[in-house]
N, C-alpha and C. Protein backbone atom coordinates (compact mmCIF):
# COMPACT_ATOMS: atom_id res chain seq x y z
N UNK A 1 74.10 22.77 45.44
CA UNK A 1 72.99 21.96 45.97
C UNK A 1 71.74 22.83 46.05
N UNK A 2 70.60 22.27 45.61
CA UNK A 2 69.35 23.02 45.63
C UNK A 2 68.85 23.16 47.06
N UNK A 3 68.35 24.35 47.36
CA UNK A 3 67.80 24.57 48.68
C UNK A 3 66.44 23.88 48.79
N UNK A 4 66.07 23.50 50.01
CA UNK A 4 64.78 22.86 50.20
C UNK A 4 64.12 23.40 51.45
N UNK A 5 62.80 23.17 51.50
CA UNK A 5 62.05 23.57 52.68
C UNK A 5 62.43 22.71 53.87
N UNK A 6 61.99 23.14 55.05
CA UNK A 6 62.23 22.35 56.25
C UNK A 6 61.46 21.03 56.19
N UNK A 7 60.36 21.00 55.41
CA UNK A 7 59.65 19.74 55.20
C UNK A 7 60.37 19.00 54.09
N UNK A 8 60.85 17.79 54.34
CA UNK A 8 61.64 17.08 53.32
C UNK A 8 60.83 16.84 52.04
N UNK A 9 61.51 16.92 50.91
CA UNK A 9 60.89 16.50 49.66
C UNK A 9 60.33 17.61 48.81
N UNK A 10 60.47 18.88 49.23
CA UNK A 10 59.93 19.99 48.44
C UNK A 10 61.01 21.04 48.27
N UNK A 11 61.34 21.37 47.03
CA UNK A 11 62.35 22.39 46.75
C UNK A 11 61.81 23.77 47.05
N UNK A 12 62.66 24.63 47.59
CA UNK A 12 62.24 25.97 47.96
C UNK A 12 61.83 26.79 46.75
N UNK A 13 62.59 26.70 45.65
CA UNK A 13 62.25 27.51 44.49
C UNK A 13 60.92 27.08 43.88
N UNK A 14 60.66 25.76 43.87
CA UNK A 14 59.38 25.26 43.38
C UNK A 14 58.24 25.75 44.26
N UNK A 15 58.46 25.71 45.57
CA UNK A 15 57.41 26.16 46.50
C UNK A 15 57.12 27.64 46.33
N UNK A 16 58.15 28.46 46.13
CA UNK A 16 57.95 29.90 45.99
C UNK A 16 57.12 30.22 44.74
N UNK A 17 57.43 29.56 43.63
CA UNK A 17 56.65 29.77 42.41
C UNK A 17 55.21 29.31 42.62
N UNK A 18 55.06 28.16 43.28
CA UNK A 18 53.73 27.63 43.56
C UNK A 18 52.93 28.60 44.44
N UNK A 19 53.57 29.13 45.49
CA UNK A 19 52.89 30.06 46.39
C UNK A 19 52.46 31.32 45.66
N UNK A 20 53.30 31.83 44.77
CA UNK A 20 52.95 33.01 43.99
C UNK A 20 51.75 32.72 43.09
N UNK A 21 51.76 31.56 42.43
CA UNK A 21 50.66 31.19 41.56
C UNK A 21 49.37 30.97 42.37
N UNK A 22 49.49 30.36 43.54
CA UNK A 22 48.33 30.15 44.39
C UNK A 22 47.73 31.47 44.85
N UNK A 23 48.59 32.44 45.13
CA UNK A 23 48.10 33.77 45.50
C UNK A 23 47.35 34.40 44.34
N UNK A 24 47.88 34.24 43.12
CA UNK A 24 47.18 34.77 41.95
C UNK A 24 45.82 34.14 41.77
N UNK A 25 45.72 32.82 42.01
CA UNK A 25 44.44 32.13 41.91
C UNK A 25 43.47 32.64 42.96
N UNK A 26 43.95 32.80 44.19
CA UNK A 26 43.07 33.25 45.27
C UNK A 26 42.54 34.66 45.03
N UNK A 27 43.35 35.50 44.39
CA UNK A 27 42.94 36.88 44.16
C UNK A 27 42.10 37.06 42.90
N UNK A 28 42.18 36.11 41.98
CA UNK A 28 41.47 36.26 40.71
C UNK A 28 39.97 36.02 40.92
N UNK A 29 39.12 36.55 40.01
CA UNK A 29 37.67 36.39 40.18
C UNK A 29 37.26 34.94 40.22
N UNK A 30 36.42 34.59 41.17
CA UNK A 30 35.96 33.21 41.30
C UNK A 30 34.81 33.13 42.29
N UNK A 31 34.09 31.99 42.31
CA UNK A 31 32.90 31.87 43.17
C UNK A 31 33.21 32.08 44.65
N UNK A 32 34.33 31.53 45.16
CA UNK A 32 34.61 31.64 46.59
C UNK A 32 35.04 33.04 46.98
N UNK A 33 35.79 33.71 46.11
CA UNK A 33 36.15 35.10 46.40
C UNK A 33 34.92 36.00 46.43
N UNK A 34 34.01 35.80 45.47
CA UNK A 34 32.78 36.59 45.44
C UNK A 34 31.90 36.27 46.64
N UNK A 35 31.90 34.99 47.06
CA UNK A 35 31.12 34.59 48.23
C UNK A 35 31.68 35.26 49.49
N UNK A 36 33.01 35.29 49.64
CA UNK A 36 33.63 35.96 50.78
C UNK A 36 33.32 37.45 50.77
N UNK A 37 33.33 38.05 49.58
CA UNK A 37 33.02 39.47 49.45
C UNK A 37 31.57 39.74 49.88
N UNK A 38 30.65 38.90 49.40
CA UNK A 38 29.23 39.07 49.71
C UNK A 38 28.94 38.81 51.19
N UNK A 39 29.44 37.71 51.70
CA UNK A 39 29.18 37.37 53.10
C UNK A 39 29.87 38.37 54.04
N UNK A 40 31.03 38.87 53.65
CA UNK A 40 31.69 39.88 54.47
C UNK A 40 30.85 41.13 54.60
N UNK A 41 30.21 41.54 53.49
CA UNK A 41 29.36 42.73 53.52
C UNK A 41 28.06 42.47 54.26
N UNK A 42 27.53 41.25 54.16
CA UNK A 42 26.23 40.94 54.76
C UNK A 42 26.34 40.55 56.23
N UNK A 43 27.35 39.77 56.58
CA UNK A 43 27.41 39.17 57.91
C UNK A 43 28.60 39.62 58.75
N UNK A 44 29.53 40.36 58.16
CA UNK A 44 30.73 40.74 58.89
C UNK A 44 31.81 39.68 58.77
N UNK A 45 33.06 40.10 58.99
CA UNK A 45 34.16 39.17 58.74
C UNK A 45 34.21 38.01 59.73
N UNK A 46 33.73 38.24 60.98
CA UNK A 46 33.79 37.16 61.95
C UNK A 46 32.91 35.99 61.54
N UNK A 47 31.66 36.29 61.11
CA UNK A 47 30.77 35.22 60.69
C UNK A 47 31.24 34.59 59.38
N UNK A 48 31.89 35.39 58.55
CA UNK A 48 32.35 34.89 57.25
C UNK A 48 33.50 33.92 57.40
N UNK A 49 34.12 33.84 58.57
CA UNK A 49 35.15 32.84 58.81
C UNK A 49 34.62 31.43 58.57
N UNK A 50 33.34 31.19 58.90
CA UNK A 50 32.74 29.88 58.63
C UNK A 50 32.76 29.60 57.13
N UNK A 51 32.36 30.59 56.35
CA UNK A 51 32.37 30.44 54.89
C UNK A 51 33.78 30.17 54.38
N UNK A 52 34.73 30.93 54.90
CA UNK A 52 36.11 30.83 54.43
C UNK A 52 36.72 29.47 54.74
N UNK A 53 36.53 28.99 55.96
CA UNK A 53 37.10 27.69 56.33
C UNK A 53 36.40 26.55 55.59
N UNK A 54 35.11 26.71 55.31
CA UNK A 54 34.44 25.70 54.48
C UNK A 54 35.02 25.63 53.09
N UNK A 55 35.28 26.81 52.50
CA UNK A 55 35.89 26.85 51.18
C UNK A 55 37.30 26.27 51.18
N UNK A 56 38.09 26.57 52.23
CA UNK A 56 39.45 26.05 52.32
C UNK A 56 39.45 24.52 52.38
N UNK A 57 38.53 23.96 53.18
CA UNK A 57 38.43 22.50 53.26
C UNK A 57 38.05 21.91 51.91
N UNK A 58 37.14 22.59 51.22
CA UNK A 58 36.74 22.13 49.89
C UNK A 58 37.90 22.12 48.92
N UNK A 59 38.73 23.17 48.96
CA UNK A 59 39.88 23.23 48.07
C UNK A 59 40.92 22.15 48.39
N UNK A 60 41.10 21.85 49.68
CA UNK A 60 42.01 20.77 50.05
C UNK A 60 41.51 19.45 49.46
N UNK A 61 40.19 19.23 49.50
CA UNK A 61 39.63 18.00 48.92
C UNK A 61 39.86 17.96 47.41
N UNK A 62 39.70 19.10 46.74
CA UNK A 62 39.91 19.16 45.29
C UNK A 62 41.39 18.93 44.95
N UNK A 63 42.29 19.51 45.76
CA UNK A 63 43.73 19.30 45.55
C UNK A 63 44.05 17.82 45.72
N UNK A 64 43.48 17.18 46.75
CA UNK A 64 43.74 15.76 46.98
C UNK A 64 43.26 14.92 45.81
N UNK A 65 42.05 15.20 45.33
CA UNK A 65 41.50 14.44 44.21
C UNK A 65 42.37 14.60 42.97
N UNK A 66 42.78 15.83 42.69
CA UNK A 66 43.61 16.09 41.52
C UNK A 66 44.99 15.46 41.66
N UNK A 67 45.62 15.66 42.82
CA UNK A 67 47.01 15.25 42.98
C UNK A 67 47.16 13.74 43.02
N UNK A 68 46.27 13.04 43.72
CA UNK A 68 46.41 11.59 43.79
C UNK A 68 45.90 10.92 42.52
N UNK A 69 45.02 11.61 41.79
CA UNK A 69 44.67 11.12 40.46
C UNK A 69 45.85 11.21 39.52
N UNK A 70 46.59 12.32 39.62
CA UNK A 70 47.82 12.47 38.83
C UNK A 70 48.83 11.41 39.24
N UNK A 71 48.93 11.15 40.55
CA UNK A 71 49.86 10.14 41.04
C UNK A 71 49.55 8.76 40.48
N UNK A 72 48.25 8.45 40.34
CA UNK A 72 47.88 7.15 39.76
C UNK A 72 48.35 7.05 38.32
N UNK A 73 48.26 8.14 37.57
CA UNK A 73 48.75 8.15 36.19
C UNK A 73 50.26 7.97 36.14
N UNK A 74 50.96 8.61 37.09
CA UNK A 74 52.41 8.51 37.10
C UNK A 74 52.88 7.08 37.36
N UNK A 75 52.09 6.31 38.10
CA UNK A 75 52.45 4.91 38.33
C UNK A 75 52.37 4.11 37.04
N UNK A 76 51.54 4.58 36.09
CA UNK A 76 51.43 3.91 34.80
C UNK A 76 52.60 4.26 33.91
N UNK A 77 52.91 5.56 33.80
CA UNK A 77 54.01 6.00 32.94
C UNK A 77 54.36 7.44 33.25
N UNK A 78 55.66 7.72 33.34
CA UNK A 78 56.10 9.10 33.57
C UNK A 78 55.85 9.97 32.35
N UNK A 79 55.59 9.34 31.20
CA UNK A 79 55.27 10.12 30.00
C UNK A 79 54.02 10.96 30.23
N UNK A 80 53.09 10.42 31.06
CA UNK A 80 51.86 11.15 31.35
C UNK A 80 52.14 12.48 32.02
N UNK A 81 53.18 12.56 32.83
CA UNK A 81 53.49 13.82 33.49
C UNK A 81 53.86 14.89 32.47
N UNK A 82 54.67 14.52 31.48
CA UNK A 82 55.03 15.46 30.43
C UNK A 82 53.81 15.89 29.63
N UNK A 83 52.96 14.90 29.29
CA UNK A 83 51.74 15.21 28.54
C UNK A 83 50.85 16.17 29.33
N UNK A 84 50.69 15.87 30.63
CA UNK A 84 49.83 16.71 31.46
C UNK A 84 50.41 18.10 31.65
N UNK A 85 51.73 18.21 31.70
CA UNK A 85 52.34 19.53 31.82
C UNK A 85 52.03 20.40 30.61
N UNK A 86 52.13 19.82 29.42
CA UNK A 86 51.88 20.61 28.21
C UNK A 86 50.39 20.91 28.02
N UNK A 87 49.54 19.90 28.25
CA UNK A 87 48.10 20.13 28.17
C UNK A 87 47.67 21.13 29.25
N UNK A 88 48.21 20.94 30.46
CA UNK A 88 47.90 21.86 31.55
C UNK A 88 48.39 23.26 31.27
N UNK A 89 49.58 23.39 30.69
CA UNK A 89 50.10 24.71 30.34
C UNK A 89 49.19 25.42 29.35
N UNK A 90 48.70 24.67 28.34
CA UNK A 90 47.79 25.26 27.36
C UNK A 90 46.49 25.71 28.03
N UNK A 91 46.00 24.89 28.97
CA UNK A 91 44.78 25.26 29.68
C UNK A 91 44.98 26.52 30.52
N UNK A 92 46.14 26.63 31.18
CA UNK A 92 46.41 27.80 32.01
C UNK A 92 46.51 29.06 31.15
N UNK A 93 47.09 28.95 29.96
CA UNK A 93 47.12 30.10 29.05
C UNK A 93 45.70 30.51 28.67
N UNK A 94 44.88 29.51 28.32
CA UNK A 94 43.48 29.79 27.97
C UNK A 94 42.74 30.43 29.15
N UNK A 95 42.95 29.89 30.36
CA UNK A 95 42.30 30.44 31.54
C UNK A 95 42.77 31.87 31.78
N UNK A 96 44.07 32.12 31.59
CA UNK A 96 44.59 33.47 31.76
C UNK A 96 43.93 34.46 30.82
N UNK A 97 43.69 34.04 29.59
CA UNK A 97 43.00 34.92 28.63
C UNK A 97 41.58 35.22 29.11
N UNK A 98 40.89 34.18 29.63
CA UNK A 98 39.53 34.39 30.13
C UNK A 98 39.51 35.35 31.31
N UNK A 99 40.44 35.18 32.25
CA UNK A 99 40.51 36.08 33.40
C UNK A 99 40.85 37.50 32.94
N UNK A 100 41.79 37.62 31.99
CA UNK A 100 42.18 38.92 31.45
C UNK A 100 40.97 39.66 30.89
N UNK A 101 40.08 38.93 30.22
CA UNK A 101 38.94 39.54 29.54
C UNK A 101 37.72 39.69 30.45
N UNK A 102 37.76 39.13 31.65
CA UNK A 102 36.57 39.14 32.51
C UNK A 102 36.30 40.53 33.06
N UNK A 103 35.02 40.88 33.21
CA UNK A 103 34.67 42.20 33.74
C UNK A 103 34.97 42.27 35.23
N UNK A 104 35.15 43.47 35.77
CA UNK A 104 35.38 43.62 37.21
C UNK A 104 34.16 43.18 38.00
N UNK A 105 34.41 42.59 39.18
CA UNK A 105 33.30 42.15 40.01
C UNK A 105 33.01 43.22 41.07
N UNK A 106 31.82 43.18 41.57
CA UNK A 106 31.41 44.10 42.63
C UNK A 106 30.03 43.71 43.11
N UNK A 107 29.53 44.37 44.12
CA UNK A 107 28.20 44.06 44.63
C UNK A 107 27.62 45.29 45.28
N UNK A 108 26.30 45.32 45.31
CA UNK A 108 25.58 46.37 45.99
C UNK A 108 24.85 45.75 47.17
N UNK A 109 25.23 46.10 48.37
CA UNK A 109 24.60 45.56 49.58
C UNK A 109 24.17 46.70 50.47
N UNK A 110 22.92 46.67 50.90
CA UNK A 110 22.43 47.69 51.82
C UNK A 110 22.08 47.02 53.15
N UNK A 111 22.74 47.47 54.21
CA UNK A 111 22.46 46.93 55.53
C UNK A 111 23.03 45.54 55.73
N UNK A 112 22.54 44.86 56.74
CA UNK A 112 23.00 43.51 57.08
C UNK A 112 21.86 42.52 56.85
N UNK A 113 22.20 41.30 56.53
CA UNK A 113 21.22 40.25 56.35
C UNK A 113 20.86 39.64 57.70
N UNK A 114 19.80 38.83 57.68
CA UNK A 114 19.43 38.11 58.89
C UNK A 114 20.56 37.15 59.28
N UNK A 115 20.83 37.00 60.58
CA UNK A 115 21.91 36.09 61.01
C UNK A 115 21.68 34.68 60.51
N UNK A 116 22.77 34.04 60.09
CA UNK A 116 22.71 32.65 59.62
C UNK A 116 23.61 31.79 60.49
N UNK A 117 23.21 30.53 60.63
CA UNK A 117 24.00 29.60 61.44
C UNK A 117 25.38 29.41 60.81
N UNK A 118 26.39 29.24 61.66
CA UNK A 118 27.74 29.03 61.17
C UNK A 118 27.84 27.79 60.28
N UNK A 119 27.10 26.75 60.62
CA UNK A 119 27.13 25.51 59.82
C UNK A 119 26.62 25.77 58.41
N UNK A 120 25.62 26.63 58.29
CA UNK A 120 25.08 26.96 56.96
C UNK A 120 26.10 27.71 56.12
N UNK A 121 26.80 28.67 56.74
CA UNK A 121 27.83 29.41 56.03
C UNK A 121 29.00 28.50 55.64
N UNK A 122 29.39 27.63 56.57
CA UNK A 122 30.48 26.69 56.30
C UNK A 122 30.12 25.79 55.12
N UNK A 123 28.90 25.28 55.14
CA UNK A 123 28.46 24.38 54.07
C UNK A 123 28.43 25.10 52.72
N UNK A 124 28.01 26.35 52.71
CA UNK A 124 27.96 27.09 51.45
C UNK A 124 29.36 27.30 50.89
N UNK A 125 30.31 27.64 51.76
CA UNK A 125 31.69 27.80 51.31
C UNK A 125 32.27 26.50 50.79
N UNK A 126 32.01 25.39 51.50
CA UNK A 126 32.50 24.08 51.10
C UNK A 126 31.94 23.68 49.74
N UNK A 127 30.62 23.81 49.58
CA UNK A 127 29.99 23.40 48.32
C UNK A 127 30.42 24.28 47.16
N UNK A 128 30.66 25.56 47.44
CA UNK A 128 31.11 26.45 46.38
C UNK A 128 32.45 26.00 45.82
N UNK A 129 33.32 25.47 46.68
CA UNK A 129 34.65 25.02 46.25
C UNK A 129 34.59 23.68 45.53
N UNK A 130 33.84 22.71 46.09
CA UNK A 130 33.90 21.35 45.55
C UNK A 130 32.98 21.14 44.35
N UNK A 131 31.98 22.00 44.16
CA UNK A 131 31.04 21.80 43.04
C UNK A 131 31.39 22.64 41.83
N UNK A 132 32.46 23.43 41.92
CA UNK A 132 32.86 24.24 40.77
C UNK A 132 33.78 23.40 39.88
N UNK A 133 33.31 22.96 38.70
CA UNK A 133 34.15 22.09 37.86
C UNK A 133 35.42 22.78 37.39
N UNK A 134 35.41 24.10 37.33
CA UNK A 134 36.60 24.83 36.90
C UNK A 134 37.73 24.66 37.92
N UNK A 135 37.38 24.46 39.20
CA UNK A 135 38.40 24.26 40.22
C UNK A 135 39.18 22.98 39.99
N UNK A 136 38.44 21.88 39.72
CA UNK A 136 39.09 20.61 39.47
C UNK A 136 39.94 20.67 38.20
N UNK A 137 39.41 21.31 37.15
CA UNK A 137 40.17 21.46 35.91
C UNK A 137 41.44 22.27 36.15
N UNK A 138 41.31 23.34 36.96
CA UNK A 138 42.47 24.18 37.20
C UNK A 138 43.57 23.41 37.91
N UNK A 139 43.22 22.72 38.97
CA UNK A 139 44.25 22.00 39.73
C UNK A 139 44.83 20.83 38.93
N UNK A 140 43.99 20.19 38.09
CA UNK A 140 44.51 19.12 37.24
C UNK A 140 45.53 19.67 36.25
N UNK A 141 45.35 20.93 35.84
CA UNK A 141 46.32 21.57 34.94
C UNK A 141 47.49 22.19 35.71
N UNK A 142 47.21 22.66 36.91
CA UNK A 142 48.15 23.44 37.69
C UNK A 142 49.19 22.58 38.40
N UNK A 143 48.73 21.52 39.06
CA UNK A 143 49.62 20.74 39.92
C UNK A 143 50.72 19.98 39.19
N UNK A 144 50.47 19.44 37.98
CA UNK A 144 51.58 18.73 37.32
C UNK A 144 52.81 19.59 37.09
N UNK A 145 52.63 20.92 37.05
CA UNK A 145 53.78 21.79 36.84
C UNK A 145 54.75 21.76 38.03
N UNK A 146 54.27 21.28 39.18
CA UNK A 146 55.06 21.35 40.41
C UNK A 146 55.37 19.99 41.02
N UNK A 147 54.76 18.93 40.52
CA UNK A 147 54.98 17.60 41.09
C UNK A 147 56.33 17.06 40.66
N UNK A 148 57.06 16.54 41.62
CA UNK A 148 58.33 15.86 41.36
C UNK A 148 58.09 14.36 41.59
N UNK A 149 58.04 13.56 40.51
CA UNK A 149 57.74 12.13 40.67
C UNK A 149 58.78 11.36 41.47
N UNK A 150 59.95 11.94 41.67
CA UNK A 150 61.01 11.26 42.43
C UNK A 150 60.84 11.46 43.93
N UNK A 151 59.92 12.32 44.33
CA UNK A 151 59.73 12.61 45.75
C UNK A 151 58.38 12.10 46.24
N UNK A 152 58.20 12.10 47.53
CA UNK A 152 56.97 11.58 48.14
C UNK A 152 55.76 12.41 47.70
N UNK A 153 54.79 11.75 47.08
CA UNK A 153 53.58 12.44 46.63
C UNK A 153 52.77 12.93 47.84
N UNK A 154 52.76 12.15 48.91
CA UNK A 154 51.99 12.52 50.09
C UNK A 154 52.56 13.78 50.75
N UNK A 155 53.90 13.85 50.86
CA UNK A 155 54.54 15.04 51.43
C UNK A 155 54.26 16.26 50.56
N UNK A 156 54.36 16.08 49.24
CA UNK A 156 54.08 17.19 48.35
C UNK A 156 52.63 17.64 48.47
N UNK A 157 51.71 16.69 48.65
CA UNK A 157 50.31 17.05 48.86
C UNK A 157 50.13 17.87 50.13
N UNK A 158 50.76 17.42 51.23
CA UNK A 158 50.64 18.16 52.49
C UNK A 158 51.12 19.60 52.34
N UNK A 159 52.26 19.78 51.67
CA UNK A 159 52.83 21.11 51.51
C UNK A 159 51.96 21.96 50.59
N UNK A 160 51.58 21.41 49.45
CA UNK A 160 50.85 22.20 48.46
C UNK A 160 49.42 22.49 48.91
N UNK A 161 48.74 21.49 49.45
CA UNK A 161 47.38 21.71 49.94
C UNK A 161 47.39 22.66 51.13
N UNK A 162 48.35 22.47 52.05
CA UNK A 162 48.44 23.36 53.21
C UNK A 162 48.77 24.78 52.81
N UNK A 163 49.69 24.93 51.87
CA UNK A 163 50.06 26.28 51.40
C UNK A 163 48.86 26.97 50.77
N UNK A 164 48.15 26.24 49.90
CA UNK A 164 47.01 26.86 49.24
C UNK A 164 45.92 27.22 50.25
N UNK A 165 45.67 26.34 51.22
CA UNK A 165 44.63 26.61 52.22
C UNK A 165 44.97 27.86 53.03
N UNK A 166 46.23 28.00 53.45
CA UNK A 166 46.63 29.18 54.23
C UNK A 166 46.48 30.45 53.40
N UNK A 167 46.93 30.41 52.15
CA UNK A 167 46.83 31.59 51.27
C UNK A 167 45.37 31.93 51.01
N UNK A 168 44.55 30.90 50.77
CA UNK A 168 43.13 31.13 50.49
C UNK A 168 42.43 31.73 51.70
N UNK A 169 42.69 31.21 52.88
CA UNK A 169 42.07 31.75 54.10
C UNK A 169 42.49 33.21 54.31
N UNK A 170 43.78 33.49 54.18
CA UNK A 170 44.27 34.86 54.39
C UNK A 170 43.68 35.82 53.37
N UNK A 171 43.62 35.40 52.12
CA UNK A 171 43.09 36.26 51.05
C UNK A 171 41.62 36.53 51.25
N UNK A 172 40.85 35.48 51.51
CA UNK A 172 39.40 35.66 51.66
C UNK A 172 39.07 36.41 52.94
N UNK A 173 39.87 36.24 53.98
CA UNK A 173 39.66 37.02 55.20
C UNK A 173 39.87 38.51 54.94
N UNK A 174 40.90 38.82 54.16
CA UNK A 174 41.13 40.21 53.78
C UNK A 174 39.95 40.74 52.96
N UNK A 175 39.48 39.94 52.01
CA UNK A 175 38.34 40.35 51.17
C UNK A 175 37.11 40.59 52.03
N UNK A 176 36.82 39.66 52.95
CA UNK A 176 35.63 39.77 53.78
C UNK A 176 35.70 40.96 54.73
N UNK A 177 36.87 41.21 55.31
CA UNK A 177 37.00 42.28 56.30
C UNK A 177 37.01 43.67 55.67
N UNK A 178 37.26 43.74 54.37
CA UNK A 178 37.29 45.04 53.68
C UNK A 178 36.24 45.11 52.59
N UNK A 179 35.17 44.31 52.72
CA UNK A 179 34.20 44.14 51.64
C UNK A 179 33.60 45.47 51.18
N UNK A 180 33.18 46.32 52.13
CA UNK A 180 32.50 47.56 51.76
C UNK A 180 33.45 48.53 51.05
N UNK A 181 34.74 48.50 51.42
CA UNK A 181 35.72 49.36 50.75
C UNK A 181 36.27 48.73 49.50
N UNK A 182 36.36 47.39 49.49
CA UNK A 182 36.98 46.69 48.36
C UNK A 182 36.08 46.67 47.14
N UNK A 183 34.76 46.55 47.33
CA UNK A 183 33.86 46.45 46.19
C UNK A 183 33.92 47.68 45.28
N UNK A 184 33.85 48.92 45.82
CA UNK A 184 33.99 50.08 44.93
C UNK A 184 35.34 50.13 44.23
N UNK A 185 36.40 49.70 44.93
CA UNK A 185 37.74 49.70 44.33
C UNK A 185 37.80 48.72 43.16
N UNK A 186 37.17 47.54 43.32
CA UNK A 186 37.16 46.55 42.26
C UNK A 186 36.40 47.07 41.04
N UNK A 187 35.33 47.81 41.27
CA UNK A 187 34.59 48.37 40.14
C UNK A 187 35.44 49.39 39.39
N UNK A 188 36.29 50.10 40.12
CA UNK A 188 37.08 51.18 39.52
C UNK A 188 38.31 50.64 38.78
N UNK A 189 39.04 49.72 39.39
CA UNK A 189 40.29 49.24 38.79
C UNK A 189 40.28 47.72 38.58
N UNK A 190 39.08 47.12 38.70
CA UNK A 190 39.00 45.67 38.64
C UNK A 190 39.47 45.07 37.33
N UNK A 191 39.24 45.78 36.21
CA UNK A 191 39.66 45.22 34.94
C UNK A 191 41.18 45.10 34.87
N UNK A 192 41.90 46.11 35.32
CA UNK A 192 43.35 46.03 35.33
C UNK A 192 43.83 44.96 36.29
N UNK A 193 43.14 44.83 37.41
CA UNK A 193 43.50 43.79 38.37
C UNK A 193 43.32 42.41 37.75
N UNK A 194 42.22 42.20 37.04
CA UNK A 194 41.98 40.93 36.36
C UNK A 194 43.04 40.67 35.30
N UNK A 195 43.46 41.71 34.62
CA UNK A 195 44.51 41.55 33.61
C UNK A 195 45.83 41.11 34.24
N UNK A 196 46.12 41.64 35.43
CA UNK A 196 47.35 41.23 36.13
C UNK A 196 47.29 39.75 36.51
N UNK A 197 46.13 39.32 37.06
CA UNK A 197 45.97 37.91 37.43
C UNK A 197 46.00 37.02 36.18
N UNK A 198 45.32 37.45 35.13
CA UNK A 198 45.33 36.68 33.89
C UNK A 198 46.72 36.57 33.30
N UNK A 199 47.48 37.66 33.37
CA UNK A 199 48.85 37.64 32.87
C UNK A 199 49.72 36.66 33.64
N UNK A 200 49.48 36.54 34.95
CA UNK A 200 50.23 35.58 35.76
C UNK A 200 49.96 34.16 35.30
N UNK A 201 48.68 33.82 35.05
CA UNK A 201 48.34 32.48 34.59
C UNK A 201 48.95 32.19 33.21
N UNK A 202 48.92 33.19 32.33
CA UNK A 202 49.50 33.02 31.00
C UNK A 202 51.01 32.75 31.12
N UNK A 203 51.67 33.49 31.99
CA UNK A 203 53.12 33.31 32.18
C UNK A 203 53.42 31.91 32.70
N UNK A 204 52.63 31.44 33.66
CA UNK A 204 52.82 30.09 34.21
C UNK A 204 52.61 29.05 33.13
N UNK A 205 51.53 29.22 32.36
CA UNK A 205 51.21 28.26 31.31
C UNK A 205 52.28 28.18 30.24
N UNK A 206 52.95 29.31 29.95
CA UNK A 206 53.98 29.32 28.93
C UNK A 206 55.33 28.84 29.46
N UNK A 207 55.64 29.19 30.69
CA UNK A 207 57.01 28.97 31.20
C UNK A 207 57.21 27.62 31.87
N UNK A 208 56.28 27.20 32.71
CA UNK A 208 56.54 26.03 33.54
C UNK A 208 56.67 24.71 32.77
N UNK A 209 55.90 24.47 31.71
CA UNK A 209 56.11 23.20 30.99
C UNK A 209 57.49 23.08 30.36
N UNK A 210 58.19 24.21 30.21
CA UNK A 210 59.54 24.19 29.60
C UNK A 210 60.62 23.83 30.59
N UNK A 211 60.26 23.78 31.89
CA UNK A 211 61.27 23.44 32.89
C UNK A 211 61.68 21.98 32.73
N UNK A 212 62.91 21.71 33.03
CA UNK A 212 63.42 20.34 32.85
C UNK A 212 62.81 19.34 33.79
């Protein structure tokens, strides 16, 4: 018998692979990670929490849009899930190549910026997540690899969106709190780090569509 999470409807092995992939996405170069790095250096990690939680809420909205859009297709035909898995797998391989080839990120910040209202930081994090078209494309390609049409779509959304939000908050908090030390490290070994994240996406894109 397959093991499952304490929340009904989600297999443990599926969740573990999903969590690993979500961690790779959170760590790979992207607008919200760079924003957390910049705001952490400018405003400190405590103020950057507003930015981080805004971004997390934005990602939950993107996951909802992607996942329930996929669910609407599944109501039409389960063939769409297979099609989306293969198209999504190809996109993830392409994305992995782009991340692999991307230059290391870093920033030069001197001193602290003028204090900004928490609402302004929250809004910037939120807009950075929801206005990035690559985010919607990624989740549209990413989520079909983990959706089980025989189980509750709403429960799967709660688990997957919640898991990604927790991982994203933890990752960006780490980035923000170590911004001054992390930026020089990224300049030094960032290309290899990007290659590791890109390799993870390539592996997901190649392997997951082959699952039964």
